Amino acid sequence: MNRRKVPKFKFDRRIGKNIWDSKRSSLNKRNYGSEQHGNKPKKRLTDYGIRLLAKQKMKIYCSNLTESKL
């Protein structure tokens, strides 16, 4: 396995869910985005978006898998 080059909590914020089940994650504090426009409701994902999000979670969790290895 490759070594993760980016802090793992950045992935939590990018995906919008607590992947690592950690208490330190900023997503545990609030369930909406930060700053001025962060308190808007989230848009509904399409089927393609749900599958893509699941694929990205798997790539992040298994530390930077390439497309060919998936």
N, C-alpha and C. Protein backbone atom coordinates (compact mmCIF):
# COMPACT_ATOMS: atom_id res chain seq x y z
N MET A 1 0.83 -1.18 0.00
CA MET A 1 0.00 0.00 0.00
C MET A 1 0.87 1.25 0.00
N ASN A 2 0.36 2.25 -0.64
CA ASN A 2 1.07 3.52 -0.68
C ASN A 2 0.84 4.28 0.62
N ARG A 3 1.73 5.18 0.87
CA ARG A 3 1.57 6.03 2.04
C ARG A 3 0.71 7.24 1.67
N ARG A 4 -0.19 7.59 2.55
CA ARG A 4 -1.08 8.73 2.31
C ARG A 4 -0.28 10.01 2.41
N LYS A 5 -0.39 10.88 1.40
CA LYS A 5 0.41 12.10 1.36
C LYS A 5 -0.34 13.32 1.85
N VAL A 6 -1.65 13.20 2.03
CA VAL A 6 -2.49 14.31 2.44
C VAL A 6 -3.13 13.95 3.78
N PRO A 7 -3.28 14.90 4.70
CA PRO A 7 -3.96 14.59 5.96
C PRO A 7 -5.36 14.03 5.72
N LYS A 8 -5.73 13.03 6.50
CA LYS A 8 -6.96 12.31 6.21
C LYS A 8 -8.22 13.10 6.53
N PHE A 9 -8.16 14.12 7.35
CA PHE A 9 -9.36 14.89 7.65
C PHE A 9 -9.74 15.81 6.49
N LYS A 10 -8.79 16.09 5.60
CA LYS A 10 -9.13 16.86 4.40
C LYS A 10 -10.06 16.05 3.50
N PHE A 11 -9.88 14.75 3.48
CA PHE A 11 -10.76 13.89 2.69
C PHE A 11 -12.17 13.90 3.26
N ASP A 12 -12.28 13.94 4.59
CA ASP A 12 -13.60 14.02 5.22
C ASP A 12 -14.35 15.26 4.75
N ARG A 13 -13.68 16.38 4.75
CA ARG A 13 -14.33 17.62 4.33
C ARG A 13 -14.66 17.61 2.85
N ARG A 14 -13.80 17.00 2.04
CA ARG A 14 -14.03 16.97 0.61
C ARG A 14 -15.26 16.12 0.27
N ILE A 15 -15.39 14.97 0.92
CA ILE A 15 -16.51 14.07 0.63
C ILE A 15 -17.76 14.48 1.39
N GLY A 16 -17.58 15.04 2.56
CA GLY A 16 -18.74 15.49 3.33
C GLY A 16 -19.24 14.49 4.34
N LYS A 17 -18.47 13.45 4.61
CA LYS A 17 -18.84 12.44 5.59
C LYS A 17 -17.61 12.06 6.40
N ASN A 18 -17.85 11.56 7.60
CA ASN A 18 -16.76 11.14 8.48
C ASN A 18 -16.36 9.72 8.10
N ILE A 19 -15.34 9.59 7.27
CA ILE A 19 -14.90 8.28 6.77
C ILE A 19 -14.22 7.47 7.85
N TRP A 20 -13.45 8.12 8.69
CA TRP A 20 -12.57 7.42 9.63
C TRP A 20 -13.24 7.16 10.98
N ASP A 21 -14.47 7.61 11.19
CA ASP A 21 -15.17 7.47 12.48
C ASP A 21 -14.35 8.04 13.63
N SER A 22 -13.80 9.20 13.42
CA SER A 22 -12.97 9.84 14.42
C SER A 22 -13.75 10.95 15.13
N LYS A 23 -13.45 11.14 16.38
CA LYS A 23 -14.10 12.21 17.15
C LYS A 23 -13.52 13.57 16.79
N ARG A 24 -12.32 13.60 16.23
CA ARG A 24 -11.66 14.86 15.91
C ARG A 24 -12.15 15.49 14.62
N SER A 25 -12.93 14.78 13.85
CA SER A 25 -13.37 15.29 12.56
C SER A 25 -14.23 16.54 12.73
N SER A 26 -14.03 17.51 11.84
CA SER A 26 -14.80 18.74 11.93
C SER A 26 -16.26 18.52 11.55
N LEU A 27 -16.57 17.42 10.90
CA LEU A 27 -17.95 17.13 10.51
C LEU A 27 -18.79 16.69 11.71
N ASN A 28 -18.16 16.31 12.80
CA ASN A 28 -18.91 15.95 14.01
C ASN A 28 -19.46 17.20 14.70
N LYS A 29 -18.83 18.33 14.49
CA LYS A 29 -19.24 19.55 15.16
C LYS A 29 -20.48 20.15 14.52
N ARG A 30 -20.56 20.09 13.20
CA ARG A 30 -21.72 20.65 12.51
C ARG A 30 -21.94 19.85 11.23
N ASN A 31 -23.17 19.77 10.81
CA ASN A 31 -23.47 18.97 9.62
C ASN A 31 -23.74 19.85 8.41
N TYR A 32 -23.21 21.05 8.39
CA TYR A 32 -23.34 21.94 7.25
C TYR A 32 -21.97 22.56 6.98
N GLY A 33 -21.83 23.17 5.85
CA GLY A 33 -20.57 23.76 5.47
C GLY A 33 -20.24 25.01 6.27
N SER A 34 -19.00 25.38 6.24
CA SER A 34 -18.59 26.57 6.98
C SER A 34 -18.79 27.82 6.13
N GLU A 35 -18.56 28.94 6.72
CA GLU A 35 -18.58 30.26 6.09
C GLU A 35 -19.98 30.76 5.81
N GLN A 36 -20.08 31.79 5.00
CA GLN A 36 -21.31 32.54 4.82
C GLN A 36 -22.41 31.72 4.14
N HIS A 37 -22.08 30.96 3.13
CA HIS A 37 -23.09 30.24 2.36
C HIS A 37 -23.15 28.76 2.72
N GLY A 38 -22.65 28.39 3.86
CA GLY A 38 -22.57 26.98 4.22
C GLY A 38 -23.84 26.39 4.76
N ASN A 39 -24.81 27.20 5.15
CA ASN A 39 -26.00 26.67 5.81
C ASN A 39 -27.13 26.41 4.81
N LYS A 40 -26.81 26.15 3.55
CA LYS A 40 -27.81 25.84 2.54
C LYS A 40 -28.07 24.33 2.55
N PRO A 41 -29.28 23.93 2.16
CA PRO A 41 -29.53 22.49 2.07
C PRO A 41 -28.70 21.86 0.95
N LYS A 42 -28.31 20.62 1.14
CA LYS A 42 -27.49 19.93 0.15
C LYS A 42 -28.37 19.46 -1.01
N LYS A 43 -27.80 19.48 -2.20
CA LYS A 43 -28.53 19.02 -3.37
C LYS A 43 -28.57 17.50 -3.39
N ARG A 44 -29.60 16.96 -3.99
CA ARG A 44 -29.76 15.52 -4.07
C ARG A 44 -28.82 14.96 -5.13
N LEU A 45 -28.13 13.88 -4.79
CA LEU A 45 -27.20 13.26 -5.73
C LEU A 45 -27.93 12.36 -6.71
N THR A 46 -27.40 12.27 -7.92
CA THR A 46 -27.93 11.34 -8.90
C THR A 46 -27.35 9.96 -8.62
N ASP A 47 -27.81 8.97 -9.37
CA ASP A 47 -27.27 7.62 -9.21
C ASP A 47 -25.79 7.58 -9.55
N TYR A 48 -25.42 8.30 -10.59
CA TYR A 48 -24.01 8.36 -10.98
C TYR A 48 -23.18 9.01 -9.87
N GLY A 49 -23.70 10.07 -9.25
CA GLY A 49 -22.98 10.75 -8.18
C GLY A 49 -22.78 9.87 -6.97
N ILE A 50 -23.78 9.05 -6.65
CA ILE A 50 -23.67 8.13 -5.51
C ILE A 50 -22.59 7.09 -5.78
N ARG A 51 -22.57 6.54 -7.00
CA ARG A 51 -21.55 5.53 -7.33
C ARG A 51 -20.16 6.15 -7.35
N LEU A 52 -20.04 7.38 -7.87
CA LEU A 52 -18.74 8.04 -7.92
C LEU A 52 -18.23 8.35 -6.52
N LEU A 53 -19.13 8.77 -5.63
CA LEU A 53 -18.74 9.05 -4.25
C LEU A 53 -18.26 7.78 -3.54
N ALA A 54 -18.94 6.65 -3.79
CA ALA A 54 -18.52 5.38 -3.20
C ALA A 54 -17.15 4.97 -3.72
N LYS A 55 -16.90 5.20 -5.00
CA LYS A 55 -15.60 4.87 -5.58
C LYS A 55 -14.49 5.74 -5.00
N GLN A 56 -14.77 7.03 -4.81
CA GLN A 56 -13.78 7.93 -4.24
C GLN A 56 -13.47 7.57 -2.79
N LYS A 57 -14.50 7.18 -2.04
CA LYS A 57 -14.27 6.75 -0.66
C LYS A 57 -13.35 5.54 -0.61
N MET A 58 -13.57 4.59 -1.52
CA MET A 58 -12.74 3.38 -1.56
C MET A 58 -11.30 3.73 -1.92
N LYS A 59 -11.11 4.65 -2.88
CA LYS A 59 -9.76 5.04 -3.26
C LYS A 59 -9.04 5.72 -2.11
N ILE A 60 -9.75 6.56 -1.37
CA ILE A 60 -9.14 7.27 -0.25
C ILE A 60 -8.85 6.32 0.90
N TYR A 61 -9.78 5.44 1.20
CA TYR A 61 -9.64 4.56 2.35
C TYR A 61 -8.51 3.56 2.14
N CYS A 62 -8.30 3.12 0.91
CA CYS A 62 -7.23 2.17 0.61
C CYS A 62 -5.95 2.88 0.19
N SER A 63 -5.81 4.12 0.54
CA SER A 63 -4.65 4.99 0.33
C SER A 63 -4.19 5.03 -1.13
N ASN A 64 -4.90 5.85 -1.85
CA ASN A 64 -4.50 6.27 -3.21
C ASN A 64 -4.36 5.13 -4.21
N LEU A 65 -5.38 4.31 -4.35
CA LEU A 65 -5.39 3.30 -5.40
C LEU A 65 -5.48 3.96 -6.76
N THR A 66 -4.92 3.35 -7.76
CA THR A 66 -5.04 3.87 -9.11
C THR A 66 -6.28 3.30 -9.76
N GLU A 67 -6.65 3.84 -10.90
CA GLU A 67 -7.84 3.38 -11.63
C GLU A 67 -7.68 1.94 -12.08
N SER A 68 -6.48 1.57 -12.49
CA SER A 68 -6.28 0.21 -13.00
C SER A 68 -6.41 -0.83 -11.90
N LYS A 69 -6.07 -0.48 -10.68
CA LYS A 69 -6.17 -1.43 -9.58
C LYS A 69 -7.62 -1.62 -9.10
N LEU A 70 -8.47 -0.65 -9.39
CA LEU A 70 -9.88 -0.80 -9.03
C LEU A 70 -10.55 -1.72 -10.03
